[in-house]
């Protein structure tokens, strides 16, 4: 970090140059702040999109049982229902 210049020993031209440099730095900071804010918005949008895509890929739809497994389940249920009926 650089040390602060002694403003009392500076000429008016040096003070003007220092003020211009300060304004330039301030505008750079503002531009970087806007870019960071825009980048954060994009990151949030992409994170949301990824969550949606994961939900679509790994949702209940992908966990459904096959028709053969469904048939076996139906047979087991029928057997259990028959066993519960009074004779």
PDB file of N, CA and C in Angstrom:
ATOM      1  N   UNK A   1       0.851  -1.171   0.000  1.00  0.00           N
ATOM      2  CA  UNK A   1       0.000   0.000   0.000  1.00  0.00           C
ATOM      3  C   UNK A   1       0.894   1.231   0.000  1.00  0.00           C
ATOM      4  N   UNK A   2       0.512   2.207  -0.800  1.00  0.00           N
ATOM      5  CA  UNK A   2       1.318   3.423  -0.879  1.00  0.00           C
ATOM      6  C   UNK A   2       0.901   4.384   0.218  1.00  0.00           C
ATOM      7  N   UNK A   3       1.842   5.233   0.619  1.00  0.00           N
ATOM      8  CA  UNK A   3       1.527   6.204   1.664  1.00  0.00           C
ATOM      9  C   UNK A   3       0.770   7.381   1.058  1.00  0.00           C
ATOM     10  N   UNK A   4      -0.017   8.050   1.880  1.00  0.00           N
ATOM     11  CA  UNK A   4      -0.800   9.192   1.419  1.00  0.00           C
ATOM     12  C   UNK A   4       0.127  10.382   1.178  1.00  0.00           C
ATOM     13  N   UNK A   5      -0.088  11.092   0.076  1.00  0.00           N
ATOM     14  CA  UNK A   5       0.736  12.280  -0.177  1.00  0.00           C
ATOM     15  C   UNK A   5       0.347  13.404   0.778  1.00  0.00           C
ATOM     16  N   UNK A   6       1.304  14.241   1.074  1.00  0.00           N
ATOM     17  CA  UNK A   6       1.040  15.402   1.926  1.00  0.00           C
ATOM     18  C   UNK A   6       0.367  16.465   1.053  1.00  0.00           C
ATOM     19  N   UNK A   7      -0.917  16.660   1.259  1.00  0.00           N
ATOM     20  CA  UNK A   7      -1.677  17.574   0.416  1.00  0.00           C
ATOM     21  C   UNK A   7      -1.245  19.024   0.572  1.00  0.00           C
ATOM     22  N   UNK A   8      -0.713  19.379   1.730  1.00  0.00           N
ATOM     23  CA  UNK A   8      -0.279  20.763   1.956  1.00  0.00           C
ATOM     24  C   UNK A   8       0.918  21.128   1.087  1.00  0.00           C
ATOM     25  N   UNK A   9       1.699  20.151   0.682  1.00  0.00           N
ATOM     26  CA  UNK A   9       2.905  20.423  -0.100  1.00  0.00           C
ATOM     27  C   UNK A   9       2.678  20.255  -1.598  1.00  0.00           C
ATOM     28  N   UNK A  10       1.474  19.954  -2.009  1.00  0.00           N
ATOM     29  CA  UNK A  10       1.200  19.732  -3.435  1.00  0.00           C
ATOM     30  C   UNK A  10       0.782  21.040  -4.102  1.00  0.00           C
ATOM     31  N   UNK A  11       1.132  21.144  -5.374  1.00  0.00           N
ATOM     32  CA  UNK A  11       0.734  22.311  -6.167  1.00  0.00           C
ATOM     33  C   UNK A  11      -0.729  22.128  -6.592  1.00  0.00           C
ATOM     34  N   UNK A  12      -1.376  23.199  -7.035  1.00  0.00           N
ATOM     35  CA  UNK A  12      -2.774  23.072  -7.493  1.00  0.00           C
ATOM     36  C   UNK A  12      -2.920  22.064  -8.642  1.00  0.00           C
ATOM     37  N   UNK A  13      -1.923  22.028  -9.540  1.00  0.00           N
ATOM     38  CA  UNK A  13      -1.986  21.079 -10.656  1.00  0.00           C
ATOM     39  C   UNK A  13      -1.916  19.634 -10.138  1.00  0.00           C
ATOM     40  N   UNK A  14      -1.060  19.401  -9.154  1.00  0.00           N
ATOM     41  CA  UNK A  14      -0.945  18.060  -8.580  1.00  0.00           C
ATOM     42  C   UNK A  14      -2.243  17.658  -7.861  1.00  0.00           C
ATOM     43  N   UNK A  15      -2.846  18.643  -7.183  1.00  0.00           N
ATOM     44  CA  UNK A  15      -4.119  18.362  -6.507  1.00  0.00           C
ATOM     45  C   UNK A  15      -5.219  18.012  -7.513  1.00  0.00           C
ATOM     46  N   UNK A  16      -5.239  18.747  -8.632  1.00  0.00           N
ATOM     47  CA  UNK A  16      -6.227  18.459  -9.674  1.00  0.00           C
ATOM     48  C   UNK A  16      -5.999  17.064 -10.258  1.00  0.00           C
ATOM     49  N   UNK A  17      -4.735  16.729 -10.500  1.00  0.00           N
ATOM     50  CA  UNK A  17      -4.412  15.413 -11.038  1.00  0.00           C
ATOM     51  C   UNK A  17      -4.813  14.308 -10.046  1.00  0.00           C
ATOM     52  N   UNK A  18      -4.571  14.555  -8.767  1.00  0.00           N
ATOM     53  CA  UNK A  18      -4.940  13.594  -7.735  1.00  0.00           C
ATOM     54  C   UNK A  18      -6.457  13.433  -7.663  1.00  0.00           C
ATOM     55  N   UNK A  19      -7.193  14.546  -7.764  1.00  0.00           N
ATOM     56  CA  UNK A  19      -8.657  14.495  -7.752  1.00  0.00           C
ATOM     57  C   UNK A  19      -9.176  13.740  -8.981  1.00  0.00           C
ATOM     58  N   UNK A  20      -8.571  13.989 -10.142  1.00  0.00           N
ATOM     59  CA  UNK A  20      -8.980  13.288 -11.365  1.00  0.00           C
ATOM     60  C   UNK A  20      -8.717  11.787 -11.227  1.00  0.00           C
ATOM     61  N   UNK A  21      -7.578  11.443 -10.644  1.00  0.00           N
ATOM     62  CA  UNK A  21      -7.246  10.028 -10.432  1.00  0.00           C
ATOM     63  C   UNK A  21      -8.247   9.386  -9.465  1.00  0.00           C
ATOM     64  N   UNK A  22      -8.628  10.131  -8.421  1.00  0.00           N
ATOM     65  CA  UNK A  22      -9.600   9.613  -7.453  1.00  0.00           C
ATOM     66  C   UNK A  22     -10.954   9.376  -8.124  1.00  0.00           C
ATOM     67  N   UNK A  23     -11.376  10.307  -8.989  1.00  0.00           N
ATOM     68  CA  UNK A  23     -12.645  10.139  -9.708  1.00  0.00           C
ATOM     69  C   UNK A  23     -12.596   8.940 -10.650  1.00  0.00           C
ATOM     70  N   UNK A  24     -11.454   8.765 -11.304  1.00  0.00           N
ATOM     71  CA  UNK A  24     -11.287   7.632 -12.208  1.00  0.00           C
ATOM     72  C   UNK A  24     -11.355   6.311 -11.429  1.00  0.00           C
ATOM     73  N   UNK A  25     -10.691   6.271 -10.288  1.00  0.00           N
ATOM     74  CA  UNK A  25     -10.722   5.067  -9.462  1.00  0.00           C
ATOM     75  C   UNK A  25     -12.133   4.792  -8.950  1.00  0.00           C
ATOM     76  N   UNK A  26     -12.844   5.854  -8.585  1.00  0.00           N
ATOM     77  CA  UNK A  26     -14.215   5.684  -8.107  1.00  0.00           C
ATOM     78  C   UNK A  26     -15.101   5.107  -9.208  1.00  0.00           C
ATOM     79  N   UNK A  27     -14.940   5.593 -10.442  1.00  0.00           N
ATOM     80  CA  UNK A  27     -15.764   5.066 -11.538  1.00  0.00           C
ATOM     81  C   UNK A  27     -15.386   3.611 -11.842  1.00  0.00           C
ATOM     82  N   UNK A  28     -14.113   3.258 -11.690  1.00  0.00           N
ATOM     83  CA  UNK A  28     -13.704   1.860 -11.885  1.00  0.00           C
ATOM     84  C   UNK A  28     -14.322   0.954 -10.818  1.00  0.00           C
ATOM     85  N   UNK A  29     -14.344   1.435  -9.587  1.00  0.00           N
ATOM     86  CA  UNK A  29     -14.943   0.666  -8.490  1.00  0.00           C
ATOM     87  C   UNK A  29     -16.437   0.461  -8.760  1.00  0.00           C
ATOM     88  N   UNK A  30     -17.126   1.515  -9.204  1.00  0.00           N
ATOM     89  CA  UNK A  30     -18.549   1.406  -9.504  1.00  0.00           C
ATOM     90  C   UNK A  30     -18.796   0.417 -10.647  1.00  0.00           C
ATOM     91  N   UNK A  31     -17.957   0.471 -11.679  1.00  0.00           N
ATOM     92  CA  UNK A  31     -18.106  -0.452 -12.807  1.00  0.00           C
ATOM     93  C   UNK A  31     -17.870  -1.895 -12.357  1.00  0.00           C
ATOM     94  N   UNK A  32     -16.858  -2.097 -11.536  1.00  0.00           N
ATOM     95  CA  UNK A  32     -16.580  -3.448 -11.033  1.00  0.00           C
ATOM     96  C   UNK A  32     -17.709  -3.936 -10.137  1.00  0.00           C
ATOM     97  N   UNK A  33     -18.274  -3.040  -9.351  1.00  0.00           N
ATOM     98  CA  UNK A  33     -19.395  -3.396  -8.475  1.00  0.00           C
ATOM     99  C   UNK A  33     -20.596  -3.838  -9.300  1.00  0.00           C
ATOM    100  N   UNK A  34     -20.894  -3.119 -10.384  1.00  0.00           N
ATOM    101  CA  UNK A  34     -21.997  -3.497 -11.274  1.00  0.00           C
ATOM    102  C   UNK A  34     -21.724  -4.849 -11.925  1.00  0.00           C
ATOM    103  N   UNK A  35     -20.483  -5.082 -12.338  1.00  0.00           N
ATOM    104  CA  UNK A  35     -20.131  -6.358 -12.965  1.00  0.00           C
ATOM    105  C   UNK A  35     -20.289  -7.500 -11.967  1.00  0.00           C
ATOM    106  N   UNK A  36     -19.855  -7.287 -10.748  1.00  0.00           N
ATOM    107  CA  UNK A  36     -20.002  -8.317  -9.711  1.00  0.00           C
ATOM    108  C   UNK A  36     -21.479  -8.618  -9.477  1.00  0.00           C
ATOM    109  N   UNK A  37     -22.288  -7.580  -9.414  1.00  0.00           N
ATOM    110  CA  UNK A  37     -23.723  -7.763  -9.197  1.00  0.00           C
ATOM    111  C   UNK A  37     -24.343  -8.544 -10.357  1.00  0.00           C
ATOM    112  N   UNK A  38     -23.961  -8.194 -11.590  1.00  0.00           N
ATOM    113  CA  UNK A  38     -24.468  -8.920 -12.764  1.00  0.00           C
ATOM    114  C   UNK A  38     -23.997 -10.374 -12.739  1.00  0.00           C
ATOM    115  N   UNK A  39     -22.739 -10.599 -12.389  1.00  0.00           N
ATOM    116  CA  UNK A  39     -22.212 -11.962 -12.320  1.00  0.00           C
ATOM    117  C   UNK A  39     -22.951 -12.777 -11.260  1.00  0.00           C
ATOM    118  N   UNK A  40     -23.256 -12.150 -10.127  1.00  0.00           N
ATOM    119  CA  UNK A  40     -23.995 -12.855  -9.072  1.00  0.00           C
ATOM    120  C   UNK A  40     -25.395 -13.226  -9.550  1.00  0.00           C
ATOM    121  N   UNK A  41     -26.019 -12.348 -10.308  1.00  0.00           N
ATOM    122  CA  UNK A  41     -27.343 -12.639 -10.860  1.00  0.00           C
ATOM    123  C   UNK A  41     -27.273 -13.822 -11.816  1.00  0.00           C
ATOM    124  N   UNK A  42     -26.262 -13.837 -12.677  1.00  0.00           N
ATOM    125  CA  UNK A  42     -26.090 -14.950 -13.617  1.00  0.00           C
ATOM    126  C   UNK A  42     -25.838 -16.251 -12.861  1.00  0.00           C
ATOM    127  N   UNK A  43     -25.015 -16.195 -11.826  1.00  0.00           N
ATOM    128  CA  UNK A  43     -24.728 -17.384 -11.020  1.00  0.00           C
ATOM    129  C   UNK A  43     -26.012 -17.905 -10.377  1.00  0.00           C
ATOM    130  N   UNK A  44     -26.830 -17.009  -9.834  1.00  0.00           N
ATOM    131  CA  UNK A  44     -28.095 -17.424  -9.220  1.00  0.00           C
ATOM    132  C   UNK A  44     -29.020 -18.058 -10.254  1.00  0.00           C
ATOM    133  N   UNK A  45     -29.081 -17.474 -11.447  1.00  0.00           N
ATOM    134  CA  UNK A  45     -29.936 -18.027 -12.506  1.00  0.00           C
ATOM    135  C   UNK A  45     -29.443 -19.408 -12.928  1.00  0.00           C
ATOM    136  N   UNK A  46     -28.134 -19.558 -13.083  1.00  0.00           N
ATOM    137  CA  UNK A  46     -27.583 -20.850 -13.484  1.00  0.00           C
ATOM    138  C   UNK A  46     -27.764 -21.896 -12.392  1.00  0.00           C
ATOM    139  N   UNK A  47     -27.623 -21.496 -11.140  1.00  0.00           N
ATOM    140  CA  UNK A  47     -27.841 -22.419 -10.028  1.00  0.00           C
ATOM    141  C   UNK A  47     -29.283 -22.906 -10.021  1.00  0.00           C
ATOM    142  N   UNK A  48     -30.213 -21.994 -10.254  1.00  0.00           N
ATOM    143  CA  UNK A  48     -31.629 -22.364 -10.309  1.00  0.00           C
ATOM    144  C   UNK A  48     -31.885 -23.321 -11.477  1.00  0.00           C
ATOM    145  N   UNK A  49     -31.294 -23.022 -12.631  1.00  0.00           N
ATOM    146  CA  UNK A  49     -31.460 -23.867 -13.809  1.00  0.00           C
ATOM    147  C   UNK A  49     -30.902 -25.269 -13.566  1.00  0.00           C
ATOM    148  N   UNK A  50     -29.748 -25.342 -12.929  1.00  0.00           N
ATOM    149  CA  UNK A  50     -29.139 -26.642 -12.619  1.00  0.00           C
ATOM    150  C   UNK A  50     -30.055 -27.426 -11.685  1.00  0.00           C
ATOM    151  N   UNK A  51     -30.624 -26.742 -10.692  1.00  0.00           N
ATOM    152  CA  UNK A  51     -31.536 -27.420  -9.765  1.00  0.00           C
ATOM    153  C   UNK A  51     -32.746 -27.970 -10.509  1.00  0.00           C
ATOM    154  N   UNK A  52     -33.292 -27.188 -11.437  1.00  0.00           N
ATOM    155  CA  UNK A  52     -34.430 -27.667 -12.225  1.00  0.00           C
ATOM    156  C   UNK A  52     -34.052 -28.875 -13.072  1.00  0.00           C
ATOM    157  N   UNK A  53     -32.900 -28.810 -13.716  1.00  0.00           N
ATOM    158  CA  UNK A  53     -32.463 -29.923 -14.561  1.00  0.00           C
ATOM    159  C   UNK A  53     -32.213 -31.178 -13.732  1.00  0.00           C
ATOM    160  N   UNK A  54     -31.625 -31.012 -12.544  1.00  0.00           N
ATOM    161  CA  UNK A  54     -31.413 -32.171 -11.669  1.00  0.00           C
ATOM    162  C   UNK A  54     -32.750 -32.765 -11.249  1.00  0.00           C
ATOM    163  N   UNK A  55     -33.707 -31.890 -10.938  1.00  0.00           N
ATOM    164  CA  UNK A  55     -35.026 -32.362 -10.534  1.00  0.00           C
ATOM    165  C   UNK A  55     -35.674 -33.145 -11.671  1.00  0.00           C
ATOM    166  N   UNK A  56     -35.509 -32.672 -12.911  1.00  0.00           N
ATOM    167  CA  UNK A  56     -36.089 -33.375 -14.051  1.00  0.00           C
ATOM    168  C   UNK A  56     -35.402 -34.721 -14.265  1.00  0.00           C
ATOM    169  N   UNK A  57     -34.086 -34.736 -14.109  1.00  0.00           N
ATOM    170  CA  UNK A  57     -33.328 -35.957 -14.375  1.00  0.00           C
ATOM    171  C   UNK A  57     -33.530 -36.999 -13.284  1.00  0.00           C
ATOM    172  N   UNK A  58     -33.565 -36.566 -12.016  1.00  0.00           N
ATOM    173  CA  UNK A  58     -33.607 -37.509 -10.909  1.00  0.00           C
ATOM    174  C   UNK A  58     -34.966 -37.535 -10.199  1.00  0.00           C
ATOM    175  N   UNK A  59     -35.987 -37.039 -10.857  1.00  0.00           N
ATOM    176  CA  UNK A  59     -37.309 -36.981 -10.232  1.00  0.00           C
ATOM    177  C   UNK A  59     -37.924 -38.371 -10.132  1.00  0.00           C
ATOM    178  N   UNK A  60     -39.116 -38.432  -9.560  1.00  0.00           N
ATOM    179  CA  UNK A  60     -39.822 -39.691  -9.367  1.00  0.00           C
ATOM    180  C   UNK A  60     -39.985 -40.439 -10.690  1.00  0.00           C
ATOM    181  N   UNK A  61     -40.114 -39.711 -11.758  1.00  0.00           N
ATOM    182  CA  UNK A  61     -40.289 -40.317 -13.077  1.00  0.00           C
ATOM    183  C   UNK A  61     -39.162 -41.289 -13.385  1.00  0.00           C
ATOM    184  N   UNK A  62     -37.941 -40.951 -13.008  1.00  0.00           N
ATOM    185  CA  UNK A  62     -36.804 -41.824 -13.300  1.00  0.00           C
ATOM    186  C   UNK A  62     -36.720 -42.979 -12.315  1.00  0.00           C
ATOM    187  N   UNK A  63     -37.515 -42.919 -11.227  1.00  0.00           N
ATOM    188  CA  UNK A  63     -37.489 -43.967 -10.220  1.00  0.00           C
ATOM    189  C   UNK A  63     -38.656 -44.932 -10.382  1.00  0.00           C
ATOM    190  N   UNK A  64     -39.420 -44.786 -11.434  1.00  0.00           N
ATOM    191  CA  UNK A  64     -40.574 -45.650 -11.623  1.00  0.00           C
ATOM    192  C   UNK A  64     -40.130 -47.090 -11.867  1.00  0.00           C
ATOM    193  N   UNK A  65     -40.989 -48.003 -11.442  1.00  0.00           N
ATOM    194  CA  UNK A  65     -40.642 -49.410 -11.621  1.00  0.00           C
ATOM    195  C   UNK A  65     -41.018 -49.859 -13.030  1.00  0.00           C
ATOM    196  N   UNK A  66     -40.347 -50.884 -13.476  1.00  0.00           N
ATOM    197  CA  UNK A  66     -40.595 -51.389 -14.828  1.00  0.00           C
ATOM    198  C   UNK A  66     -41.917 -52.154 -14.845  1.00  0.00           C
ATOM    199  N   UNK A  67     -42.472 -52.391 -16.025  1.00  0.00           N
ATOM    200  CA  UNK A  67     -43.722 -53.163 -16.110  1.00  0.00           C
ATOM    201  C   UNK A  67     -43.586 -54.564 -15.504  1.00  0.00           C
ATOM    202  N   UNK A  68     -42.442 -55.190 -15.663  1.00  0.00           N
ATOM    203  CA  UNK A  68     -42.238 -56.524 -15.092  1.00  0.00           C
ATOM    204  C   UNK A  68     -42.265 -56.465 -13.565  1.00  0.00           C
ATOM    205  N   UNK A  69     -41.613 -55.447 -13.005  1.00  0.00           N
ATOM    206  CA  UNK A  69     -41.629 -55.288 -11.551  1.00  0.00           C
ATOM    207  C   UNK A  69     -43.041 -54.973 -11.074  1.00  0.00           C
ATOM    208  N   UNK A  70     -43.769 -54.194 -11.832  1.00  0.00           N
ATOM    209  CA  UNK A  70     -45.144 -53.850 -11.481  1.00  0.00           C
ATOM    210  C   UNK A  70     -46.011 -55.099 -11.466  1.00  0.00           C
ATOM    211  N   UNK A  71     -45.819 -55.971 -12.444  1.00  0.00           N
ATOM    212  CA  UNK A  71     -46.572 -57.222 -12.509  1.00  0.00           C
ATOM    213  C   UNK A  71     -46.290 -58.088 -11.286  1.00  0.00           C
ATOM    214  N   UNK A  72     -45.020 -58.189 -10.886  1.00  0.00           N
ATOM    215  CA  UNK A  72     -44.660 -58.965  -9.700  1.00  0.00           C
ATOM    216  C   UNK A  72     -45.313 -58.364  -8.457  1.00  0.00           C
ATOM    217  N   UNK A  73     -45.308 -57.032  -8.359  1.00  0.00           N
ATOM    218  CA  UNK A  73     -45.919 -56.354  -7.224  1.00  0.00           C
ATOM    219  C   UNK A  73     -47.420 -56.627  -7.182  1.00  0.00           C
ATOM    220  N   UNK A  74     -48.065 -56.567  -8.342  1.00  0.00           N
ATOM    221  CA  UNK A  74     -49.504 -56.856  -8.406  1.00  0.00           C
ATOM    222  C   UNK A  74     -49.790 -58.283  -7.945  1.00  0.00           C
ATOM    223  N   UNK A  75     -48.970 -59.232  -8.384  1.00  0.00           N
ATOM    224  CA  UNK A  75     -49.149 -60.637  -7.967  1.00  0.00           C
ATOM    225  C   UNK A  75     -49.007 -60.772  -6.460  1.00  0.00           C
ATOM    226  N   UNK A  76     -47.991 -60.107  -5.888  1.00  0.00           N
ATOM    227  CA  UNK A  76     -47.792 -60.178  -4.440  1.00  0.00           C
ATOM    228  C   UNK A  76     -48.970 -59.559  -3.688  1.00  0.00           C
ATOM    229  N   UNK A  77     -49.467 -58.439  -4.190  1.00  0.00           N
ATOM    230  CA  UNK A  77     -50.613 -57.787  -3.556  1.00  0.00           C
ATOM    231  C   UNK A  77     -51.854 -58.678  -3.624  1.00  0.00           C
ATOM    232  N   UNK A  78     -52.073 -59.298  -4.790  1.00  0.00           N
ATOM    233  CA  UNK A  78     -53.217 -60.206  -4.929  1.00  0.00           C
ATOM    234  C   UNK A  78     -53.110 -61.367  -3.949  1.00  0.00           C
ATOM    235  N   UNK A  79     -51.924 -61.919  -3.790  1.00  0.00           N
ATOM    236  CA  UNK A  79     -51.699 -63.022  -2.858  1.00  0.00           C
ATOM    237  C   UNK A  79     -51.975 -62.578  -1.434  1.00  0.00           C
ATOM    238  N   UNK A  80     -51.502 -61.382  -1.073  1.00  0.00           N
ATOM    239  CA  UNK A  80     -51.731 -60.861   0.285  1.00  0.00           C
ATOM    240  C   UNK A  80     -53.215 -60.596   0.536  1.00  0.00           C
ATOM    241  N   UNK A  81     -53.919 -60.068  -0.445  1.00  0.00           N
ATOM    242  CA  UNK A  81     -55.346 -59.794  -0.296  1.00  0.00           C
ATOM    243  C   UNK A  81     -56.106 -61.106  -0.125  1.00  0.00           C
ATOM    244  N   UNK A  82     -55.761 -62.107  -0.910  1.00  0.00           N
ATOM    245  CA  UNK A  82     -56.403 -63.432  -0.809  1.00  0.00           C
ATOM    246  C   UNK A  82     -56.155 -64.034   0.583  1.00  0.00           C
ATOM    247  N   UNK A  83     -54.970 -63.864   1.122  1.00  0.00           N
ATOM    248  CA  UNK A  83     -54.638 -64.418   2.424  1.00  0.00           C
ATOM    249  C   UNK A  83     -55.403 -63.715   3.535  1.00  0.00           C
ATOM    250  N   UNK A  84     -55.786 -62.477   3.344  1.00  0.00           N
ATOM    251  CA  UNK A  84     -56.499 -61.727   4.371  1.00  0.00           C
ATOM    252  C   UNK A  84     -57.993 -62.006   4.342  1.00  0.00           C
ATOM    253  N   UNK A  85     -58.519 -62.542   3.253  1.00  0.00           N
ATOM    254  CA  UNK A  85     -59.949 -62.815   3.151  1.00  0.00           C
ATOM    255  C   UNK A  85     -60.315 -64.028   4.021  1.00  0.00           C
ATOM    256  N   UNK A  86     -61.440 -63.899   4.686  1.00  0.00           N
ATOM    257  CA  UNK A  86     -61.840 -65.051   5.505  1.00  0.00           C
ATOM    258  C   UNK A  86     -62.290 -66.218   4.632  1.00  0.00           C
ATOM    259  N   UNK A  87     -61.976 -67.411   5.065  1.00  0.00           N
ATOM    260  CA  UNK A  87     -62.348 -68.579   4.265  1.00  0.00           C
ATOM    261  C   UNK A  87     -63.725 -69.080   4.594  1.00  0.00           C
TER     262      UNK A  87
END
